Structure formats: structure tokens, C-alpha cells
Amino acid sequence: MDDISNWQPVYRDLSTLLGPDVARQLHQHFGGSEVTFPMQLLSHEGRIAAIRHDASTGQSIKSLAQAYHLSQRTIRNYLRPD
């Protein structure tokens, strides 16, 4: 059980990234479950808040669209007052 080379590849990867103790905890908590991770770290509301904050620092619509991988139209919609 302590020989990481005998672990499933996903647990070996987690062990490399986070350490063997965390990999074991993840196995105990999520073992047998299918876990997917969203591409975006921020929630929808969190992303809008971050965009509004960045816009308040003077970043252009174009640079915000590129940074957040969104269209300029979407950025403009997010920046409209509620």
C-alpha cells in the first residue's frame, strides 16, 4: 500500500502533485466516484465580479475578452449595471 509505483495512475499523479497523504485522503473520500473538474475555477458570479474589478482598473474590453476567453459582447453585458 505504501509503494506508490503500484498505485493506479490517477493516484500516482495526485501523489506527485499533492503528496501521498492527500492522495490517500482523496481515495478514501472519492474512491469509486467519477469526479470532473470544471474548466473554469471561478463561478459565474465570481467571474463577473473579477471582470468588473479588472475593468475598474482600466483594462480594455478587448484585453478582458482575451484574458477571460469571452467575446467582447459578453464582457460588455457583464459590465452593464444591474
Protein backbone atom coordinates (compact mmCIF):
# COMPACT_ATOMS: atom_id res chain seq x y z
CA MET A 1 0.00 0.00 0.00
CA ASP A 2 2.92 2.36 0.62
CA ASP A 3 4.64 1.62 -2.72
CA ILE A 4 3.28 4.42 -4.91
CA SER A 5 4.54 2.70 -8.07
CA ASN A 6 1.78 0.10 -7.55
CA TRP A 7 -0.98 2.73 -7.35
CA GLN A 8 -3.45 3.48 -10.11
CA PRO A 9 -2.08 6.21 -12.44
CA VAL A 10 -4.53 8.88 -11.28
CA TYR A 11 -3.47 8.37 -7.65
CA ARG A 12 0.21 8.42 -8.61
CA ASP A 13 -0.39 11.75 -10.37
CA LEU A 14 -2.24 13.14 -7.35
CA SER A 15 0.55 11.91 -5.10
CA THR A 16 3.12 13.72 -7.22
CA LEU A 17 1.09 16.94 -7.23
CA LEU A 18 -0.28 16.96 -3.70
CA GLY A 19 1.62 14.35 -1.73
CA PRO A 20 0.77 10.75 -0.86
CA ASP A 21 -1.25 11.62 2.26
CA VAL A 22 -3.60 13.86 0.29
CA ALA A 23 -3.87 11.25 -2.48
CA ARG A 24 -4.92 8.69 0.14
CA GLN A 25 -7.50 11.10 1.58
CA LEU A 26 -8.93 11.74 -1.88
CA HIS A 27 -9.12 7.99 -2.47
CA GLN A 28 -10.93 7.46 0.81
CA HIS A 29 -13.36 10.29 0.18
CA PHE A 30 -13.98 9.95 -3.57
CA GLY A 31 -12.90 6.37 -4.32
CA GLY A 32 -15.34 4.78 -6.76
CA SER A 33 -16.83 8.13 -7.77
CA GLU A 34 -16.41 9.84 -11.09
CA VAL A 35 -15.16 13.35 -10.46
CA THR A 36 -14.96 16.03 -13.13
CA PHE A 37 -13.38 19.41 -12.71
CA PRO A 38 -14.88 22.46 -14.45
CA MET A 39 -12.61 24.25 -16.90
CA GLN A 40 -13.23 27.50 -15.04
CA LEU A 41 -12.09 27.90 -11.45
CA LEU A 42 -14.44 30.80 -10.76
CA SER A 43 -18.21 30.50 -10.52
CA HIS A 44 -20.29 32.53 -12.98
CA GLU A 45 -20.87 35.23 -10.38
CA GLY A 46 -17.22 35.15 -9.35
CA ARG A 47 -16.08 35.59 -12.94
CA ILE A 48 -18.39 38.59 -13.42
CA ALA A 49 -17.05 40.13 -10.20
CA ALA A 50 -13.46 39.57 -11.35
CA ILE A 51 -14.18 41.09 -14.76
CA ARG A 52 -15.81 44.13 -13.15
CA HIS A 53 -12.85 44.53 -10.83
CA ASP A 54 -10.35 44.27 -13.69
CA ALA A 55 -12.39 46.75 -15.74
CA SER A 56 -12.33 49.20 -12.83
CA THR A 57 -8.52 49.17 -13.02
CA GLY A 58 -8.70 50.45 -16.59
CA GLN A 59 -8.37 47.27 -18.63
CA SER A 60 -9.96 47.49 -22.06
CA ILE A 61 -12.92 45.40 -23.21
CA LYS A 62 -10.63 43.73 -25.75
CA SER A 63 -8.00 42.75 -23.19
CA LEU A 64 -10.67 41.46 -20.79
CA ALA A 65 -12.23 39.37 -23.56
CA GLN A 66 -8.84 37.85 -24.36
CA ALA A 67 -7.93 37.26 -20.72
CA TYR A 68 -11.23 35.56 -19.88
CA HIS A 69 -11.70 33.80 -23.24
CA LEU A 70 -15.04 35.51 -23.81
CA SER A 71 -16.44 37.68 -26.57
CA GLN A 72 -16.30 41.46 -26.26
CA ARG A 73 -20.10 41.47 -26.37
CA THR A 74 -20.25 39.18 -23.33
CA ILE A 75 -17.79 41.41 -21.48
CA ARG A 76 -19.93 44.46 -22.26
CA ASN A 77 -23.02 42.63 -20.99
CA TYR A 78 -21.21 41.75 -17.76
CA LEU A 79 -20.17 45.36 -17.26
CA ARG A 80 -23.68 46.77 -17.64
CA PRO A 81 -25.15 47.98 -14.36
CA ASP A 82 -27.57 45.56 -12.73
